[in-house]
Amino acid sequence: MGEDVNARDSAGYAPLHWAAATNHPPLLTTLLEAGANVNAQSNIGATPLHVAAIVGAANTESTDVVTPLLLAAGTDPIARDAKGRTPLDYAQVIESAVLTPEVRRLFLDMHVLQSGADPAP
């Protein structure tokens, strides 16, 4: 019998959080395919996308690969943590944030759609 892909550590982080934090797309994909909860929240309300946004602000490669994977898997781009911040909030406020135009547009498009906008042109 396999391990629980949604098991949590003492801080409430699941394996998907750690895959996002360590910029590990193959592990992230494997966890998602195994049924990992893409919207799992830690004890402070951080989702894997929050983690990817924070880590990705210092590592563009993370935002270029991990963020689109999480968004495509259905993560909530407007999920708020215990401080009321969304993943995009973190990506924008971290001084070294370098979001490519494509990832910024993807974040914003998903944010608009999740806010109830009509996707039809």
N, C-alpha and C. Protein backbone atom coordinates (compact mmCIF):
# COMPACT_ATOMS: atom_id res chain seq x y z
N MET A 1 0.83 -1.17 0.00
CA MET A 1 0.00 0.00 0.00
C MET A 1 0.88 1.24 0.00
N GLY A 2 0.52 2.27 -0.80
CA GLY A 2 1.33 3.46 -0.94
C GLY A 2 1.14 4.44 0.20
N GLU A 3 1.97 5.44 0.19
CA GLU A 3 1.90 6.51 1.19
C GLU A 3 0.77 7.47 0.86
N ASP A 4 0.32 8.22 1.84
CA ASP A 4 -0.73 9.22 1.67
C ASP A 4 -0.12 10.47 1.04
N VAL A 5 -0.51 10.80 -0.19
CA VAL A 5 0.06 11.96 -0.88
C VAL A 5 -0.42 13.28 -0.27
N ASN A 6 -1.39 13.21 0.63
CA ASN A 6 -1.88 14.42 1.29
C ASN A 6 -1.52 14.46 2.77
N ALA A 7 -0.58 13.60 3.20
CA ALA A 7 -0.11 13.60 4.59
C ALA A 7 0.49 14.97 4.90
N ARG A 8 0.41 15.38 6.14
CA ARG A 8 0.91 16.70 6.54
C ARG A 8 2.02 16.58 7.58
N ASP A 9 2.94 17.53 7.56
CA ASP A 9 3.93 17.61 8.62
C ASP A 9 3.36 18.48 9.75
N SER A 10 4.14 18.75 10.77
CA SER A 10 3.64 19.48 11.93
C SER A 10 3.22 20.91 11.60
N ALA A 11 3.73 21.47 10.52
CA ALA A 11 3.35 22.82 10.09
C ALA A 11 2.19 22.80 9.10
N GLY A 12 1.71 21.61 8.79
CA GLY A 12 0.57 21.49 7.89
C GLY A 12 0.95 21.42 6.42
N TYR A 13 2.24 21.31 6.14
CA TYR A 13 2.67 21.24 4.75
C TYR A 13 2.58 19.81 4.23
N ALA A 14 2.02 19.66 3.04
CA ALA A 14 1.88 18.38 2.37
C ALA A 14 3.05 18.19 1.39
N PRO A 15 3.23 16.98 0.88
CA PRO A 15 4.30 16.77 -0.10
C PRO A 15 4.25 17.73 -1.29
N LEU A 16 3.05 18.13 -1.70
CA LEU A 16 2.93 19.05 -2.83
C LEU A 16 3.54 20.41 -2.51
N HIS A 17 3.39 20.86 -1.26
CA HIS A 17 4.04 22.11 -0.84
C HIS A 17 5.56 21.99 -1.01
N TRP A 18 6.10 20.84 -0.57
CA TRP A 18 7.54 20.66 -0.63
C TRP A 18 8.05 20.51 -2.06
N ALA A 19 7.26 19.88 -2.91
CA ALA A 19 7.64 19.78 -4.33
C ALA A 19 7.69 21.17 -4.95
N ALA A 20 6.75 22.04 -4.58
CA ALA A 20 6.75 23.42 -5.08
C ALA A 20 7.92 24.19 -4.50
N ALA A 21 8.19 23.99 -3.21
CA ALA A 21 9.27 24.72 -2.54
C ALA A 21 10.64 24.36 -3.07
N THR A 22 10.80 23.12 -3.50
CA THR A 22 12.10 22.67 -3.99
C THR A 22 12.21 22.71 -5.51
N ASN A 23 11.21 23.31 -6.16
CA ASN A 23 11.22 23.45 -7.61
C ASN A 23 11.46 22.10 -8.28
N HIS A 24 10.57 21.16 -7.99
CA HIS A 24 10.72 19.79 -8.49
C HIS A 24 9.51 19.40 -9.34
N PRO A 25 9.45 19.88 -10.62
CA PRO A 25 8.29 19.60 -11.47
C PRO A 25 7.96 18.12 -11.65
N PRO A 26 8.94 17.21 -11.83
CA PRO A 26 8.56 15.80 -11.99
C PRO A 26 7.84 15.25 -10.75
N LEU A 27 8.32 15.60 -9.56
CA LEU A 27 7.67 15.15 -8.33
C LEU A 27 6.29 15.78 -8.20
N LEU A 28 6.19 17.05 -8.53
CA LEU A 28 4.91 17.75 -8.49
C LEU A 28 3.90 17.05 -9.40
N THR A 29 4.31 16.72 -10.60
CA THR A 29 3.44 16.03 -11.56
C THR A 29 3.02 14.66 -11.03
N THR A 30 3.97 13.92 -10.48
CA THR A 30 3.66 12.60 -9.92
C THR A 30 2.65 12.71 -8.78
N LEU A 31 2.85 13.67 -7.90
CA LEU A 31 1.92 13.86 -6.78
C LEU A 31 0.53 14.25 -7.26
N LEU A 32 0.47 15.14 -8.24
CA LEU A 32 -0.83 15.54 -8.78
C LEU A 32 -1.55 14.35 -9.42
N GLU A 33 -0.81 13.55 -10.18
CA GLU A 33 -1.39 12.37 -10.82
C GLU A 33 -1.86 11.34 -9.78
N ALA A 34 -1.23 11.35 -8.60
CA ALA A 34 -1.60 10.41 -7.54
C ALA A 34 -2.74 10.95 -6.67
N GLY A 35 -3.25 12.13 -7.01
CA GLY A 35 -4.40 12.67 -6.29
C GLY A 35 -4.09 13.67 -5.20
N ALA A 36 -2.91 14.27 -5.22
CA ALA A 36 -2.58 15.29 -4.22
C ALA A 36 -3.55 16.46 -4.33
N ASN A 37 -3.91 17.01 -3.18
CA ASN A 37 -4.82 18.14 -3.12
C ASN A 37 -4.07 19.42 -3.50
N VAL A 38 -4.37 19.95 -4.67
CA VAL A 38 -3.66 21.12 -5.19
C VAL A 38 -3.97 22.38 -4.37
N ASN A 39 -5.04 22.35 -3.60
CA ASN A 39 -5.42 23.51 -2.78
C ASN A 39 -5.20 23.27 -1.29
N ALA A 40 -4.37 22.28 -0.95
CA ALA A 40 -4.08 22.00 0.46
C ALA A 40 -3.49 23.24 1.11
N GLN A 41 -3.97 23.55 2.31
CA GLN A 41 -3.46 24.72 3.03
C GLN A 41 -2.69 24.28 4.26
N SER A 42 -1.56 24.95 4.49
CA SER A 42 -0.75 24.68 5.67
C SER A 42 -1.43 25.31 6.89
N ASN A 43 -0.79 25.19 8.03
CA ASN A 43 -1.34 25.78 9.25
C ASN A 43 -1.48 27.30 9.16
N ILE A 44 -0.71 27.92 8.27
CA ILE A 44 -0.83 29.38 8.08
C ILE A 44 -1.61 29.72 6.81
N GLY A 45 -2.26 28.72 6.25
CA GLY A 45 -3.12 28.95 5.09
C GLY A 45 -2.43 28.97 3.75
N ALA A 46 -1.14 28.66 3.71
CA ALA A 46 -0.40 28.68 2.45
C ALA A 46 -0.72 27.45 1.61
N THR A 47 -1.04 27.67 0.35
CA THR A 47 -1.24 26.58 -0.60
C THR A 47 0.09 26.31 -1.32
N PRO A 48 0.19 25.22 -2.07
CA PRO A 48 1.40 25.01 -2.86
C PRO A 48 1.69 26.18 -3.81
N LEU A 49 0.64 26.85 -4.30
CA LEU A 49 0.86 28.00 -5.18
C LEU A 49 1.45 29.17 -4.42
N HIS A 50 1.05 29.38 -3.16
CA HIS A 50 1.69 30.41 -2.34
C HIS A 50 3.19 30.12 -2.23
N VAL A 51 3.51 28.86 -1.94
CA VAL A 51 4.91 28.46 -1.79
C VAL A 51 5.66 28.67 -3.10
N ALA A 52 5.07 28.26 -4.21
CA ALA A 52 5.72 28.45 -5.52
C ALA A 52 5.95 29.92 -5.82
N ALA A 53 4.99 30.77 -5.45
CA ALA A 53 5.13 32.20 -5.71
C ALA A 53 6.26 32.80 -4.89
N ILE A 54 6.36 32.39 -3.64
CA ILE A 54 7.42 32.91 -2.77
C ILE A 54 8.78 32.42 -3.23
N VAL A 55 8.91 31.12 -3.48
CA VAL A 55 10.18 30.55 -3.93
C VAL A 55 10.50 31.04 -5.34
N GLY A 56 9.49 31.12 -6.18
CA GLY A 56 9.69 31.54 -7.56
C GLY A 56 10.13 32.97 -7.69
N ALA A 57 9.82 33.79 -6.69
CA ALA A 57 10.26 35.18 -6.74
C ALA A 57 11.77 35.28 -6.75
N ALA A 58 12.43 34.28 -6.17
CA ALA A 58 13.88 34.26 -6.16
C ALA A 58 14.45 33.33 -7.23
N ASN A 59 13.57 32.58 -7.88
CA ASN A 59 14.02 31.59 -8.86
C ASN A 59 13.02 31.58 -10.01
N THR A 60 13.31 32.31 -11.06
CA THR A 60 12.39 32.43 -12.19
C THR A 60 12.01 31.08 -12.77
N GLU A 61 12.94 30.13 -12.74
CA GLU A 61 12.65 28.81 -13.29
C GLU A 61 11.45 28.18 -12.58
N SER A 62 11.34 28.42 -11.28
CA SER A 62 10.22 27.87 -10.52
C SER A 62 8.90 28.44 -11.01
N THR A 63 8.82 29.74 -11.22
CA THR A 63 7.56 30.32 -11.68
C THR A 63 7.27 29.93 -13.11
N ASP A 64 8.29 29.71 -13.90
CA ASP A 64 8.08 29.34 -15.30
C ASP A 64 7.56 27.92 -15.47
N VAL A 65 7.85 27.03 -14.53
CA VAL A 65 7.45 25.63 -14.65
C VAL A 65 6.42 25.22 -13.60
N VAL A 66 6.73 25.45 -12.34
CA VAL A 66 5.87 24.99 -11.25
C VAL A 66 4.53 25.72 -11.23
N THR A 67 4.55 27.03 -11.35
CA THR A 67 3.30 27.80 -11.29
C THR A 67 2.31 27.39 -12.37
N PRO A 68 2.71 27.29 -13.64
CA PRO A 68 1.75 26.83 -14.65
C PRO A 68 1.22 25.42 -14.39
N LEU A 69 2.07 24.53 -13.85
CA LEU A 69 1.60 23.17 -13.53
C LEU A 69 0.50 23.22 -12.47
N LEU A 70 0.71 24.01 -11.43
CA LEU A 70 -0.29 24.11 -10.37
C LEU A 70 -1.58 24.76 -10.88
N LEU A 71 -1.44 25.80 -11.69
CA LEU A 71 -2.63 26.47 -12.23
C LEU A 71 -3.41 25.54 -13.15
N ALA A 72 -2.69 24.79 -13.97
CA ALA A 72 -3.36 23.85 -14.89
C ALA A 72 -4.06 22.72 -14.12
N ALA A 73 -3.56 22.41 -12.93
CA ALA A 73 -4.15 21.35 -12.11
C ALA A 73 -5.37 21.84 -11.34
N GLY A 74 -5.67 23.13 -11.45
CA GLY A 74 -6.88 23.65 -10.82
C GLY A 74 -6.70 24.33 -9.49
N THR A 75 -5.48 24.73 -9.17
CA THR A 75 -5.29 25.45 -7.91
C THR A 75 -6.07 26.76 -7.93
N ASP A 76 -6.43 27.23 -6.77
CA ASP A 76 -7.18 28.47 -6.65
C ASP A 76 -6.19 29.64 -6.59
N PRO A 77 -6.09 30.44 -7.66
CA PRO A 77 -5.11 31.52 -7.68
C PRO A 77 -5.46 32.68 -6.76
N ILE A 78 -6.68 32.69 -6.24
CA ILE A 78 -7.05 33.78 -5.34
C ILE A 78 -7.24 33.28 -3.90
N ALA A 79 -6.72 32.08 -3.62
CA ALA A 79 -6.76 31.58 -2.24
C ALA A 79 -5.98 32.53 -1.35
N ARG A 80 -6.53 32.79 -0.19
CA ARG A 80 -5.86 33.70 0.75
C ARG A 80 -5.34 32.91 1.94
N ASP A 81 -4.15 33.29 2.37
CA ASP A 81 -3.56 32.65 3.54
C ASP A 81 -4.06 33.35 4.80
N ALA A 82 -3.49 33.02 5.94
CA ALA A 82 -3.93 33.59 7.22
C ALA A 82 -3.73 35.11 7.28
N LYS A 83 -2.83 35.64 6.45
CA LYS A 83 -2.61 37.09 6.41
C LYS A 83 -3.48 37.77 5.36
N GLY A 84 -4.30 36.97 4.67
CA GLY A 84 -5.18 37.52 3.65
C GLY A 84 -4.51 37.74 2.31
N ARG A 85 -3.33 37.17 2.12
CA ARG A 85 -2.58 37.38 0.88
C ARG A 85 -2.77 36.22 -0.10
N THR A 86 -2.82 36.58 -1.38
CA THR A 86 -2.89 35.59 -2.45
C THR A 86 -1.48 35.26 -2.92
N PRO A 87 -1.31 34.20 -3.69
CA PRO A 87 0.01 33.90 -4.24
C PRO A 87 0.58 35.06 -5.07
N LEU A 88 -0.27 35.71 -5.86
CA LEU A 88 0.21 36.83 -6.67
C LEU A 88 0.68 37.97 -5.79
N ASP A 89 0.00 38.20 -4.67
CA ASP A 89 0.44 39.23 -3.73
C ASP A 89 1.89 38.99 -3.32
N TYR A 90 2.21 37.75 -2.97
CA TYR A 90 3.58 37.43 -2.56
C TYR A 90 4.56 37.60 -3.71
N ALA A 91 4.19 37.12 -4.87
CA ALA A 91 5.09 37.22 -6.02
C ALA A 91 5.40 38.68 -6.34
N GLN A 92 4.45 39.56 -6.13
CA GLN A 92 4.64 40.97 -6.47
C GLN A 92 5.38 41.76 -5.40
N VAL A 93 5.27 41.37 -4.13
CA VAL A 93 5.87 42.19 -3.08
C VAL A 93 7.30 41.80 -2.75
N ILE A 94 7.70 40.60 -3.12
CA ILE A 94 9.07 40.20 -2.82
C ILE A 94 10.01 40.96 -3.75
N GLU A 95 10.95 41.64 -3.15
CA GLU A 95 11.82 42.57 -3.89
C GLU A 95 12.48 41.95 -5.11
N SER A 96 12.90 40.70 -5.02
CA SER A 96 13.61 40.08 -6.14
C SER A 96 12.66 39.41 -7.13
N ALA A 97 11.37 39.67 -6.99
CA ALA A 97 10.40 38.98 -7.85
C ALA A 97 10.67 39.24 -9.32
N VAL A 98 10.73 38.17 -10.07
CA VAL A 98 10.91 38.25 -11.51
C VAL A 98 9.89 37.30 -12.13
N LEU A 99 8.71 37.83 -12.43
CA LEU A 99 7.70 37.02 -13.10
C LEU A 99 7.80 37.30 -14.58
N THR A 100 7.90 36.25 -15.36
CA THR A 100 7.91 36.46 -16.80
C THR A 100 6.54 37.00 -17.21
N PRO A 101 6.46 37.71 -18.31
CA PRO A 101 5.16 38.22 -18.75
C PRO A 101 4.13 37.11 -18.93
N GLU A 102 4.56 35.93 -19.38
CA GLU A 102 3.64 34.83 -19.59
C GLU A 102 3.04 34.35 -18.27
N VAL A 103 3.88 34.19 -17.25
CA VAL A 103 3.40 33.72 -15.96
C VAL A 103 2.53 34.78 -15.29
N ARG A 104 2.92 36.05 -15.38
CA ARG A 104 2.11 37.13 -14.82
C ARG A 104 0.73 37.13 -15.47
N ARG A 105 0.68 36.99 -16.79
CA ARG A 105 -0.60 36.97 -17.51
C ARG A 105 -1.43 35.76 -17.08
N LEU A 106 -0.79 34.60 -16.93
CA LEU A 106 -1.48 33.39 -16.49
C LEU A 106 -2.08 33.59 -15.10
N PHE A 107 -1.31 34.13 -14.18
CA PHE A 107 -1.80 34.44 -12.83
C PHE A 107 -3.02 35.36 -12.92
N LEU A 108 -2.88 36.43 -13.66
CA LEU A 108 -3.96 37.42 -13.73
C LEU A 108 -5.19 36.87 -14.43
N ASP A 109 -5.00 36.11 -15.51
CA ASP A 109 -6.14 35.51 -16.21
C ASP A 109 -6.91 34.58 -15.28
N MET A 110 -6.18 33.74 -14.55
CA MET A 110 -6.83 32.81 -13.62
C MET A 110 -7.52 33.58 -12.50
N HIS A 111 -6.90 34.65 -12.03
CA HIS A 111 -7.50 35.47 -10.98
C HIS A 111 -8.82 36.07 -11.45
N VAL A 112 -8.84 36.59 -12.65
CA VAL A 112 -10.05 37.20 -13.22
C VAL A 112 -11.15 36.15 -13.38
N LEU A 113 -10.80 34.98 -13.91
CA LEU A 113 -11.79 33.92 -14.09
C LEU A 113 -12.33 33.42 -12.76
N GLN A 114 -11.45 33.25 -11.78
CA GLN A 114 -11.90 32.80 -10.46
C GLN A 114 -12.78 33.84 -9.78
N SER A 115 -12.63 35.08 -10.17
CA SER A 115 -13.43 36.16 -9.59
C SER A 115 -14.81 36.26 -10.22
N GLY A 116 -15.08 35.40 -11.22
CA GLY A 116 -16.41 35.35 -11.81
C GLY A 116 -16.54 35.97 -13.18
N ALA A 117 -15.45 36.34 -13.82
CA ALA A 117 -15.53 36.94 -15.15
C ALA A 117 -15.99 35.90 -16.17
N ASP A 118 -16.63 36.36 -17.20
CA ASP A 118 -17.09 35.49 -18.29
C ASP A 118 -15.92 35.25 -19.24
N PRO A 119 -15.51 33.98 -19.45
CA PRO A 119 -14.37 33.70 -20.32
C PRO A 119 -14.64 33.93 -21.80
N ALA A 120 -15.91 34.08 -22.18
CA ALA A 120 -16.25 34.32 -23.59
C ALA A 120 -15.82 35.73 -23.98
N PRO A 121 -15.26 35.86 -25.21
CA PRO A 121 -14.82 37.20 -25.65
C PRO A 121 -15.97 38.14 -25.85
